[in-house]
Amino acid sequence: MDISEIHKELIPEIQEELSFIAAGYRMEEIGDVIVRLSRYFRALGICHLLESADVNLFRENLVRSGYARRYFLRNSRADGNDRDRYLAIGRTEAFMDSVAAGHLRLAQEIAELSTHEWEPDWEYEDDLCFFLFLHNIIINPRQLSDSQFQEILVRFDKALEGGESLRLEVCKALITKDNENFSAALNELMEAKKELIEEKRERMLEPDPSTYVFWPRSFVSIEGLALIKIAETVGIKVDEEFPLCPWVGRLPTTDQEYKDIFQEIAQARAKG
């Protein structure tokens, strides 16, 4: 599908979802809206990267995805929304968007606001362990040698019940800060993702929101870019290019703030 056409289609989808935010629904009613907004902002950012290599708009839209998650987590606390499956850290990639954008302070906010208790009805335990491990790195990047990180990996391995996980291999390389093992594990993970994407392409041709999200992401892995950023954060030097992780998408760390649509909507509603 044509990326420029997908770009155009994403705009009204985002506007429609934002109308639910503006309507003032409680967080327990719009968890799915927040997740969709993050997906659309991520896809829109990738469109900017693919169409014109515009790294600024790529970053800005990834940050907006993070703002959506932060808005949901902050207001869930205010609303007492603590029994919502959309609180599960393995159900959204907004944290990864923030990391890939290089906005580590925003990623840290998301990690600190997140619920880290496992709810079996919300997510798989291995997904929880993967994100929990990464959340802890972003919160405490200098304490990677602490026992809590090893304990998470032991739990991760146990949750697999004898199965294998390329994500686990990436985490093991992060904890040992092994350049070669990290590169090998990430390359294998990205190759596996690329293979799954290629199998899915023929089924994703209908012009609908799921297609608009799939096609940009079929060229760029935000998870891969985020893992590279995390590796660099803990001191691993990553010099090679990986499948789905173009050099142009590897962004430097920043604290740059962007227009927070969610905060503006909240302020407007407070003023009536």
C-alpha atoms as a PDB file:
ATOM      1  CA  MET A   1       0.000   0.000   0.000  1.00  0.00           C
ATOM      2  CA  ASP A   2       1.089   3.583  -0.612  1.00  0.00           C
ATOM      3  CA  ILE A   3       2.527   5.185   2.523  1.00  0.00           C
ATOM      4  CA  SER A   4       1.406   8.682   1.545  1.00  0.00           C
ATOM      5  CA  GLU A   5      -2.193   7.458   1.276  1.00  0.00           C
ATOM      6  CA  ILE A   6      -1.926   5.755   4.654  1.00  0.00           C
ATOM      7  CA  HIS A   7      -0.587   9.015   6.075  1.00  0.00           C
ATOM      8  CA  LYS A   8      -3.701  10.838   4.860  1.00  0.00           C
ATOM      9  CA  GLU A   9      -6.023   8.171   6.261  1.00  0.00           C
ATOM     10  CA  LEU A  10      -4.418   8.254   9.700  1.00  0.00           C
ATOM     11  CA  ILE A  11      -5.292  11.911  10.321  1.00  0.00           C
ATOM     12  CA  PRO A  12      -9.110  11.511  10.540  1.00  0.00           C
ATOM     13  CA  GLU A  13      -8.647   8.320  12.592  1.00  0.00           C
ATOM     14  CA  ILE A  14      -6.605  10.281  15.136  1.00  0.00           C
ATOM     15  CA  GLN A  15      -9.107  13.140  15.144  1.00  0.00           C
ATOM     16  CA  GLU A  16     -11.984  10.755  15.783  1.00  0.00           C
ATOM     17  CA  GLU A  17     -10.231   9.097  18.716  1.00  0.00           C
ATOM     18  CA  LEU A  18      -9.289  12.490  20.201  1.00  0.00           C
ATOM     19  CA  SER A  19     -12.967  13.426  20.189  1.00  0.00           C
ATOM     20  CA  PHE A  20     -13.522  10.689  22.798  1.00  0.00           C
ATOM     21  CA  ILE A  21     -10.793  12.221  24.952  1.00  0.00           C
ATOM     22  CA  ALA A  22     -12.397  15.657  24.615  1.00  0.00           C
ATOM     23  CA  ALA A  23     -15.806  14.241  25.592  1.00  0.00           C
ATOM     24  CA  GLY A  24     -14.520  13.618  29.115  1.00  0.00           C
ATOM     25  CA  TYR A  25     -15.045   9.898  29.496  1.00  0.00           C
ATOM     26  CA  ARG A  26     -13.493   8.248  32.546  1.00  0.00           C
ATOM     27  CA  MET A  27     -10.313   6.268  31.994  1.00  0.00           C
ATOM     28  CA  GLU A  28     -12.028   2.938  32.578  1.00  0.00           C
ATOM     29  CA  GLU A  29     -14.160   3.685  29.512  1.00  0.00           C
ATOM     30  CA  ILE A  30     -11.438   4.698  27.044  1.00  0.00           C
ATOM     31  CA  GLY A  31      -8.473   2.377  27.558  1.00  0.00           C
ATOM     32  CA  ASP A  32      -8.959   1.028  24.053  1.00  0.00           C
ATOM     33  CA  VAL A  33      -9.077   4.577  22.650  1.00  0.00           C
ATOM     34  CA  ILE A  34      -5.716   5.381  24.257  1.00  0.00           C
ATOM     35  CA  VAL A  35      -4.142   2.235  22.826  1.00  0.00           C
ATOM     36  CA  ARG A  36      -5.431   3.037  19.338  1.00  0.00           C
ATOM     37  CA  LEU A  37      -4.161   6.603  19.568  1.00  0.00           C
ATOM     38  CA  SER A  38      -0.689   5.357  20.455  1.00  0.00           C
ATOM     39  CA  ARG A  39      -0.758   2.995  17.490  1.00  0.00           C
ATOM     40  CA  TYR A  40      -1.907   5.739  15.128  1.00  0.00           C
ATOM     41  CA  PHE A  41       0.693   8.236  16.337  1.00  0.00           C
ATOM     42  CA  ARG A  42       3.408   5.592  15.968  1.00  0.00           C
ATOM     43  CA  ALA A  43       2.255   4.748  12.441  1.00  0.00           C
ATOM     44  CA  LEU A  44       2.053   8.446  11.532  1.00  0.00           C
ATOM     45  CA  GLY A  45       5.575   9.014  12.803  1.00  0.00           C
ATOM     46  CA  ILE A  46       6.889   6.147  10.715  1.00  0.00           C
ATOM     47  CA  CYS A  47       5.085   7.584   7.674  1.00  0.00           C
ATOM     48  CA  HIS A  48       7.024  10.821   8.112  1.00  0.00           C
ATOM     49  CA  LEU A  49      10.258   8.834   8.362  1.00  0.00           C
ATOM     50  CA  LEU A  50       9.549   6.754   5.260  1.00  0.00           C
ATOM     51  CA  GLU A  51       8.176   9.564   3.102  1.00  0.00           C
ATOM     52  CA  SER A  52      10.733  12.282   3.732  1.00  0.00           C
ATOM     53  CA  ALA A  53      13.185  11.052   6.389  1.00  0.00           C
ATOM     54  CA  ASP A  54      11.710  13.735   8.665  1.00  0.00           C
ATOM     55  CA  VAL A  55      13.217  12.644  11.980  1.00  0.00           C
ATOM     56  CA  ASN A  56      11.656  15.571  13.847  1.00  0.00           C
ATOM     57  CA  LEU A  57       8.081  14.593  13.004  1.00  0.00           C
ATOM     58  CA  PHE A  58       8.999  10.940  13.490  1.00  0.00           C
ATOM     59  CA  ARG A  59      10.159  11.758  17.013  1.00  0.00           C
ATOM     60  CA  GLU A  60       7.258  14.106  17.747  1.00  0.00           C
ATOM     61  CA  ASN A  61       4.630  11.490  16.945  1.00  0.00           C
ATOM     62  CA  LEU A  62       6.398   8.824  18.979  1.00  0.00           C
ATOM     63  CA  VAL A  63       6.432  11.251  21.894  1.00  0.00           C
ATOM     64  CA  ARG A  64       2.709  11.878  21.378  1.00  0.00           C
ATOM     65  CA  SER A  65       2.154   8.152  21.740  1.00  0.00           C
ATOM     66  CA  GLY A  66       3.992   8.364  25.053  1.00  0.00           C
ATOM     67  CA  TYR A  67       1.884  11.359  26.098  1.00  0.00           C
ATOM     68  CA  ALA A  68      -1.242   9.308  25.451  1.00  0.00           C
ATOM     69  CA  ARG A  69      -0.028   6.546  27.767  1.00  0.00           C
ATOM     70  CA  ARG A  70       1.087   9.010  30.442  1.00  0.00           C
ATOM     71  CA  TYR A  71      -2.324  10.716  30.299  1.00  0.00           C
ATOM     72  CA  PHE A  72      -4.065   7.377  30.755  1.00  0.00           C
ATOM     73  CA  LEU A  73      -1.865   6.284  33.666  1.00  0.00           C
ATOM     74  CA  ARG A  74      -2.031   9.619  35.497  1.00  0.00           C
ATOM     75  CA  ASN A  75      -5.778   9.899  35.183  1.00  0.00           C
ATOM     76  CA  SER A  76      -6.358   6.257  36.006  1.00  0.00           C
ATOM     77  CA  ARG A  77      -4.758   6.963  39.367  1.00  0.00           C
ATOM     78  CA  ALA A  78      -6.948  10.034  39.815  1.00  0.00           C
ATOM     79  CA  ASP A  79     -10.082   8.098  38.795  1.00  0.00           C
ATOM     80  CA  GLY A  80      -9.247   5.062  40.930  1.00  0.00           C
ATOM     81  CA  ASN A  81      -9.089   2.994  37.752  1.00  0.00           C
ATOM     82  CA  ASP A  82      -6.952   0.134  39.071  1.00  0.00           C
ATOM     83  CA  ARG A  83      -8.781  -2.899  37.661  1.00  0.00           C
ATOM     84  CA  ASP A  84      -8.426  -2.191  33.955  1.00  0.00           C
ATOM     85  CA  ARG A  85      -6.742  -4.627  31.579  1.00  0.00           C
ATOM     86  CA  TYR A  86      -5.354  -1.665  29.637  1.00  0.00           C
ATOM     87  CA  LEU A  87      -3.089  -0.924  32.594  1.00  0.00           C
ATOM     88  CA  ALA A  88      -1.087  -4.039  31.683  1.00  0.00           C
ATOM     89  CA  ILE A  89       2.398  -2.999  30.592  1.00  0.00           C
ATOM     90  CA  GLY A  90       2.528  -5.730  27.952  1.00  0.00           C
ATOM     91  CA  ARG A  91      -0.589  -4.473  26.142  1.00  0.00           C
ATOM     92  CA  THR A  92       0.905  -1.256  24.778  1.00  0.00           C
ATOM     93  CA  GLU A  93       4.130  -0.210  23.088  1.00  0.00           C
ATOM     94  CA  ALA A  94       3.870   3.464  24.081  1.00  0.00           C
ATOM     95  CA  PHE A  95       6.804   2.963  26.461  1.00  0.00           C
ATOM     96  CA  MET A  96       8.861   1.677  23.526  1.00  0.00           C
ATOM     97  CA  ASP A  97       7.791   4.679  21.455  1.00  0.00           C
ATOM     98  CA  SER A  98       9.126   7.039  24.109  1.00  0.00           C
ATOM     99  CA  VAL A  99      12.430   5.174  24.337  1.00  0.00           C
ATOM    100  CA  ALA A 100      12.871   4.997  20.550  1.00  0.00           C
ATOM    101  CA  ALA A 101      12.172   8.742  20.417  1.00  0.00           C
ATOM    102  CA  GLY A 102      15.118   9.202  22.764  1.00  0.00           C
ATOM    103  CA  HIS A 103      12.789  10.817  25.310  1.00  0.00           C
ATOM    104  CA  LEU A 104      14.015   8.767  28.253  1.00  0.00           C
ATOM    105  CA  ARG A 105      12.514  11.074  30.868  1.00  0.00           C
ATOM    106  CA  LEU A 106       9.043  10.463  29.423  1.00  0.00           C
ATOM    107  CA  ALA A 107       9.755   6.728  29.283  1.00  0.00           C
ATOM    108  CA  GLN A 108      10.786   6.880  32.945  1.00  0.00           C
ATOM    109  CA  GLU A 109       7.547   8.655  33.864  1.00  0.00           C
ATOM    110  CA  ILE A 110       5.556   5.945  32.110  1.00  0.00           C
ATOM    111  CA  ALA A 111       7.528   3.208  33.859  1.00  0.00           C
ATOM    112  CA  GLU A 112       7.074   4.806  37.286  1.00  0.00           C
ATOM    113  CA  LEU A 113       3.333   5.319  36.762  1.00  0.00           C
ATOM    114  CA  SER A 114       2.814   1.766  35.498  1.00  0.00           C
ATOM    115  CA  THR A 115       1.335  -1.181  37.346  1.00  0.00           C
ATOM    116  CA  HIS A 116       3.945  -3.927  37.657  1.00  0.00           C
ATOM    117  CA  GLU A 117       1.826  -6.576  39.336  1.00  0.00           C
ATOM    118  CA  TRP A 118       0.916  -9.497  37.109  1.00  0.00           C
ATOM    119  CA  GLU A 119      -2.752 -10.073  36.343  1.00  0.00           C
ATOM    120  CA  PRO A 120      -3.114 -13.378  34.410  1.00  0.00           C
ATOM    121  CA  ASP A 121      -6.345 -12.194  32.788  1.00  0.00           C
ATOM    122  CA  TRP A 122      -4.613  -9.093  31.409  1.00  0.00           C
ATOM    123  CA  GLU A 123      -1.392 -10.334  29.828  1.00  0.00           C
ATOM    124  CA  TYR A 124       1.065 -13.208  29.458  1.00  0.00           C
ATOM    125  CA  GLU A 125       3.610 -13.373  32.247  1.00  0.00           C
ATOM    126  CA  ASP A 126       6.571 -13.468  29.858  1.00  0.00           C
ATOM    127  CA  ASP A 127       5.352 -10.205  28.259  1.00  0.00           C
ATOM    128  CA  LEU A 128       5.123  -8.659  31.711  1.00  0.00           C
ATOM    129  CA  CYS A 129       8.665  -9.788  32.547  1.00  0.00           C
ATOM    130  CA  PHE A 130      10.069  -8.369  29.319  1.00  0.00           C
ATOM    131  CA  PHE A 131       8.592  -4.913  29.866  1.00  0.00           C
ATOM    132  CA  LEU A 132       9.268  -5.014  33.609  1.00  0.00           C
ATOM    133  CA  PHE A 133      12.949  -5.648  32.873  1.00  0.00           C
ATOM    134  CA  LEU A 134      13.112  -2.711  30.457  1.00  0.00           C
ATOM    135  CA  HIS A 135      11.131  -0.435  32.780  1.00  0.00           C
ATOM    136  CA  ASN A 136      13.627  -1.119  35.548  1.00  0.00           C
ATOM    137  CA  ILE A 137      16.566  -0.318  33.269  1.00  0.00           C
ATOM    138  CA  ILE A 138      15.064   3.047  32.349  1.00  0.00           C
ATOM    139  CA  ILE A 139      14.327   3.815  36.012  1.00  0.00           C
ATOM    140  CA  ASN A 140      17.707   2.591  37.296  1.00  0.00           C
ATOM    141  CA  PRO A 141      20.153   2.302  34.362  1.00  0.00           C
ATOM    142  CA  ARG A 142      23.183   2.328  36.662  1.00  0.00           C
ATOM    143  CA  GLN A 143      21.932  -0.520  38.840  1.00  0.00           C
ATOM    144  CA  LEU A 144      21.801  -3.238  36.189  1.00  0.00           C
ATOM    145  CA  SER A 145      23.987  -5.470  38.365  1.00  0.00           C
ATOM    146  CA  ASP A 146      21.393  -5.499  41.166  1.00  0.00           C
ATOM    147  CA  SER A 147      19.792  -8.832  41.952  1.00  0.00           C
ATOM    148  CA  GLN A 148      16.323  -7.590  40.976  1.00  0.00           C
ATOM    149  CA  PHE A 149      17.271  -7.701  37.295  1.00  0.00           C
ATOM    150  CA  GLN A 150      18.503 -11.277  37.484  1.00  0.00           C
ATOM    151  CA  GLU A 151      15.380 -12.256  39.418  1.00  0.00           C
ATOM    152  CA  ILE A 152      13.181 -10.853  36.636  1.00  0.00           C
ATOM    153  CA  LEU A 153      15.074 -12.923  34.040  1.00  0.00           C
ATOM    154  CA  VAL A 154      14.704 -16.069  36.157  1.00  0.00           C
ATOM    155  CA  ARG A 155      10.982 -15.383  36.362  1.00  0.00           C
ATOM    156  CA  PHE A 156      10.897 -14.650  32.605  1.00  0.00           C
ATOM    157  CA  ASP A 157      12.514 -18.005  31.835  1.00  0.00           C
ATOM    158  CA  LYS A 158      10.173 -19.853  34.205  1.00  0.00           C
ATOM    159  CA  ALA A 159       7.116 -18.213  32.626  1.00  0.00           C
ATOM    160  CA  LEU A 160       8.110 -19.690  29.253  1.00  0.00           C
ATOM    161  CA  GLU A 161       7.553 -23.198  30.673  1.00  0.00           C
ATOM    162  CA  GLY A 162      10.402 -24.696  28.678  1.00  0.00           C
ATOM    163  CA  GLY A 163       9.823 -22.596  25.589  1.00  0.00           C
ATOM    164  CA  GLU A 164      12.266 -20.180  23.996  1.00  0.00           C
ATOM    165  CA  SER A 165      12.132 -16.421  23.645  1.00  0.00           C
ATOM    166  CA  LEU A 166      14.344 -14.208  21.534  1.00  0.00           C
ATOM    167  CA  ARG A 167      13.324 -11.328  23.759  1.00  0.00           C
ATOM    168  CA  LEU A 168      14.795 -13.168  26.727  1.00  0.00           C
ATOM    169  CA  GLU A 169      18.089 -13.593  24.872  1.00  0.00           C
ATOM    170  CA  VAL A 170      18.182  -9.842  24.222  1.00  0.00           C
ATOM    171  CA  CYS A 171      17.606  -9.170  27.920  1.00  0.00           C
ATOM    172  CA  LYS A 172      20.383 -11.568  28.908  1.00  0.00           C
ATOM    173  CA  ALA A 173      22.781  -9.714  26.615  1.00  0.00           C
ATOM    174  CA  LEU A 174      21.706  -6.401  28.143  1.00  0.00           C
ATOM    175  CA  ILE A 175      22.372  -7.566  31.687  1.00  0.00           C
ATOM    176  CA  THR A 176      25.864  -8.787  30.771  1.00  0.00           C
ATOM    177  CA  LYS A 177      26.497  -5.747  28.530  1.00  0.00           C
ATOM    178  CA  ASP A 178      27.843  -8.094  25.873  1.00  0.00           C
ATOM    179  CA  ASN A 179      28.085  -6.305  22.527  1.00  0.00           C
ATOM    180  CA  GLU A 180      28.342  -9.428  20.372  1.00  0.00           C
ATOM    181  CA  ASN A 181      25.577 -11.324  22.131  1.00  0.00           C
ATOM    182  CA  PHE A 182      23.289  -8.307  22.030  1.00  0.00           C
ATOM    183  CA  SER A 183      23.832  -7.805  18.293  1.00  0.00           C
ATOM    184  CA  ALA A 184      23.288 -11.494  17.585  1.00  0.00           C
ATOM    185  CA  ALA A 185      20.127 -11.683  19.713  1.00  0.00           C
ATOM    186  CA  LEU A 186      18.624  -8.488  18.304  1.00  0.00           C
ATOM    187  CA  ASN A 187      19.416  -9.516  14.742  1.00  0.00           C
ATOM    188  CA  GLU A 188      17.663 -12.840  15.282  1.00  0.00           C
ATOM    189  CA  LEU A 189      14.672 -11.141  16.907  1.00  0.00           C
ATOM    190  CA  MET A 190      14.316  -8.672  14.033  1.00  0.00           C
ATOM    191  CA  GLU A 191      14.703 -11.406  11.406  1.00  0.00           C
ATOM    192  CA  ALA A 192      11.913 -13.344  13.113  1.00  0.00           C
ATOM    193  CA  LYS A 193       9.687 -10.273  13.132  1.00  0.00           C
ATOM    194  CA  LYS A 194      10.469  -9.599   9.474  1.00  0.00           C
ATOM    195  CA  GLU A 195       9.485 -13.153   8.562  1.00  0.00           C
ATOM    196  CA  LEU A 196       6.155 -12.832  10.384  1.00  0.00           C
ATOM    197  CA  ILE A 197       5.494  -9.502   8.664  1.00  0.00           C
ATOM    198  CA  GLU A 198       6.155 -10.945   5.218  1.00  0.00           C
ATOM    199  CA  GLU A 199       3.716 -13.768   5.917  1.00  0.00           C
ATOM    200  CA  LYS A 200       1.050 -11.233   6.930  1.00  0.00           C
ATOM    201  CA  ARG A 201       1.439  -8.734   4.089  1.00  0.00           C
ATOM    202  CA  GLU A 202      -0.894 -10.521   1.654  1.00  0.00           C
ATOM    203  CA  ARG A 203      -3.675 -10.538   4.260  1.00  0.00           C
ATOM    204  CA  MET A 204      -3.375  -6.824   5.055  1.00  0.00           C
ATOM    205  CA  LEU A 205      -4.709  -5.168   1.918  1.00  0.00           C
ATOM    206  CA  GLU A 206      -8.131  -3.910   2.991  1.00  0.00           C
ATOM    207  CA  PRO A 207      -8.218  -0.135   3.606  1.00  0.00           C
ATOM    208  CA  ASP A 208      -9.101  -0.056   7.296  1.00  0.00           C
ATOM    209  CA  PRO A 209      -7.460   1.179  10.548  1.00  0.00           C
ATOM    210  CA  SER A 210      -5.621  -2.080  11.219  1.00  0.00           C
ATOM    211  CA  THR A 211      -4.067  -1.887   7.751  1.00  0.00           C
ATOM    212  CA  TYR A 212      -3.044   1.741   8.296  1.00  0.00           C
ATOM    213  CA  VAL A 213      -1.184   0.662  11.431  1.00  0.00           C
ATOM    214  CA  PHE A 214       0.353  -2.482   9.963  1.00  0.00           C
ATOM    215  CA  TRP A 215       1.984  -1.151   6.799  1.00  0.00           C
ATOM    216  CA  PRO A 216       4.206   1.575   8.296  1.00  0.00           C
ATOM    217  CA  ARG A 217       5.271  -0.826  11.046  1.00  0.00           C
ATOM    218  CA  SER A 218       6.084  -3.479   8.483  1.00  0.00           C
ATOM    219  CA  PHE A 219       9.083  -1.362   7.471  1.00  0.00           C
ATOM    220  CA  VAL A 220      10.271  -0.056  10.839  1.00  0.00           C
ATOM    221  CA  SER A 221      10.370  -1.836  14.207  1.00  0.00           C
ATOM    222  CA  ILE A 222       9.980   0.613  17.081  1.00  0.00           C
ATOM    223  CA  GLU A 223      10.758  -2.223  19.473  1.00  0.00           C
ATOM    224  CA  GLY A 224      14.072  -2.820  17.719  1.00  0.00           C
ATOM    225  CA  LEU A 225      14.975   0.874  17.778  1.00  0.00           C
ATOM    226  CA  ALA A 226      14.023   1.079  21.457  1.00  0.00           C
ATOM    227  CA  LEU A 227      16.181  -1.928  22.335  1.00  0.00           C
ATOM    228  CA  ILE A 228      19.141  -0.314  20.570  1.00  0.00           C
ATOM    229  CA  LYS A 229      18.595   2.887  22.597  1.00  0.00           C
ATOM    230  CA  ILE A 230      18.399   0.879  25.834  1.00  0.00           C
ATOM    231  CA  ALA A 231      21.584  -0.993  24.919  1.00  0.00           C
ATOM    232  CA  GLU A 232      23.370   2.312  24.372  1.00  0.00           C
ATOM    233  CA  THR A 233      22.001   3.558  27.697  1.00  0.00           C
ATOM    234  CA  VAL A 234      23.668   0.708  29.594  1.00  0.00           C
ATOM    235  CA  GLY A 235      26.958   1.132  27.750  1.00  0.00           C
ATOM    236  CA  ILE A 236      26.718  -1.292  24.831  1.00  0.00           C
ATOM    237  CA  LYS A 237      28.170   0.105  21.622  1.00  0.00           C
ATOM    238  CA  VAL A 238      25.898  -0.771  18.705  1.00  0.00           C
ATOM    239  CA  ASP A 239      27.659  -0.164  15.394  1.00  0.00           C
ATOM    240  CA  GLU A 240      25.713  -2.336  12.951  1.00  0.00           C
ATOM    241  CA  GLU A 241      22.379  -1.951  11.222  1.00  0.00           C
ATOM    242  CA  PHE A 242      19.605  -4.442  11.874  1.00  0.00           C
ATOM    243  CA  PRO A 243      16.546  -5.520   9.876  1.00  0.00           C
ATOM    244  CA  LEU A 244      13.618  -3.089  10.384  1.00  0.00           C
ATOM    245  CA  CYS A 245      15.918  -0.676  12.286  1.00  0.00           C
ATOM    246  CA  PRO A 246      17.134   1.942   9.791  1.00  0.00           C
ATOM    247  CA  TRP A 247      19.996   4.214  10.818  1.00  0.00           C
ATOM    248  CA  VAL A 248      17.859   7.280  10.166  1.00  0.00           C
ATOM    249  CA  GLY A 249      15.428   6.109  12.864  1.00  0.00           C
ATOM    250  CA  ARG A 250      18.103   5.862  15.564  1.00  0.00           C
ATOM    251  CA  LEU A 251      17.546   9.113  17.436  1.00  0.00           C
ATOM    252  CA  PRO A 252      19.745  10.837  20.008  1.00  0.00           C
ATOM    253  CA  THR A 253      18.522  11.303  23.573  1.00  0.00           C
ATOM    254  CA  THR A 254      16.488  14.468  24.158  1.00  0.00           C
ATOM    255  CA  ASP A 255      14.293  16.204  26.738  1.00  0.00           C
ATOM    256  CA  GLN A 256      12.557  18.322  24.111  1.00  0.00           C
ATOM    257  CA  GLU A 257       8.918  18.914  24.916  1.00  0.00           C
ATOM    258  CA  TYR A 258       6.196  18.939  22.294  1.00  0.00           C
ATOM    259  CA  LYS A 259       2.632  20.170  22.244  1.00  0.00           C
ATOM    260  CA  ASP A 260       0.778  17.841  24.601  1.00  0.00           C
ATOM    261  CA  ILE A 261      -2.672  17.495  23.055  1.00  0.00           C
ATOM    262  CA  PHE A 262      -3.947  15.539  26.045  1.00  0.00           C
ATOM    263  CA  GLN A 263      -2.908  18.164  28.560  1.00  0.00           C
ATOM    264  CA  GLU A 264      -4.458  20.899  26.433  1.00  0.00           C
ATOM    265  CA  ILE A 265      -7.740  19.004  26.214  1.00  0.00           C
ATOM    266  CA  ALA A 266      -7.754  18.497  29.983  1.00  0.00           C
ATOM    267  CA  GLN A 267      -7.096  22.198  30.580  1.00  0.00           C
ATOM    268  CA  ALA A 268      -9.824  23.207  28.143  1.00  0.00           C
ATOM    269  CA  ARG A 269     -12.324  20.906  29.835  1.00  0.00           C
ATOM    270  CA  ALA A 270     -11.359  22.269  33.272  1.00  0.00           C
ATOM    271  CA  LYS A 271     -12.177  25.776  32.023  1.00  0.00           C
ATOM    272  CA  GLY A 272     -15.516  24.576  30.664  1.00  0.00           C
END
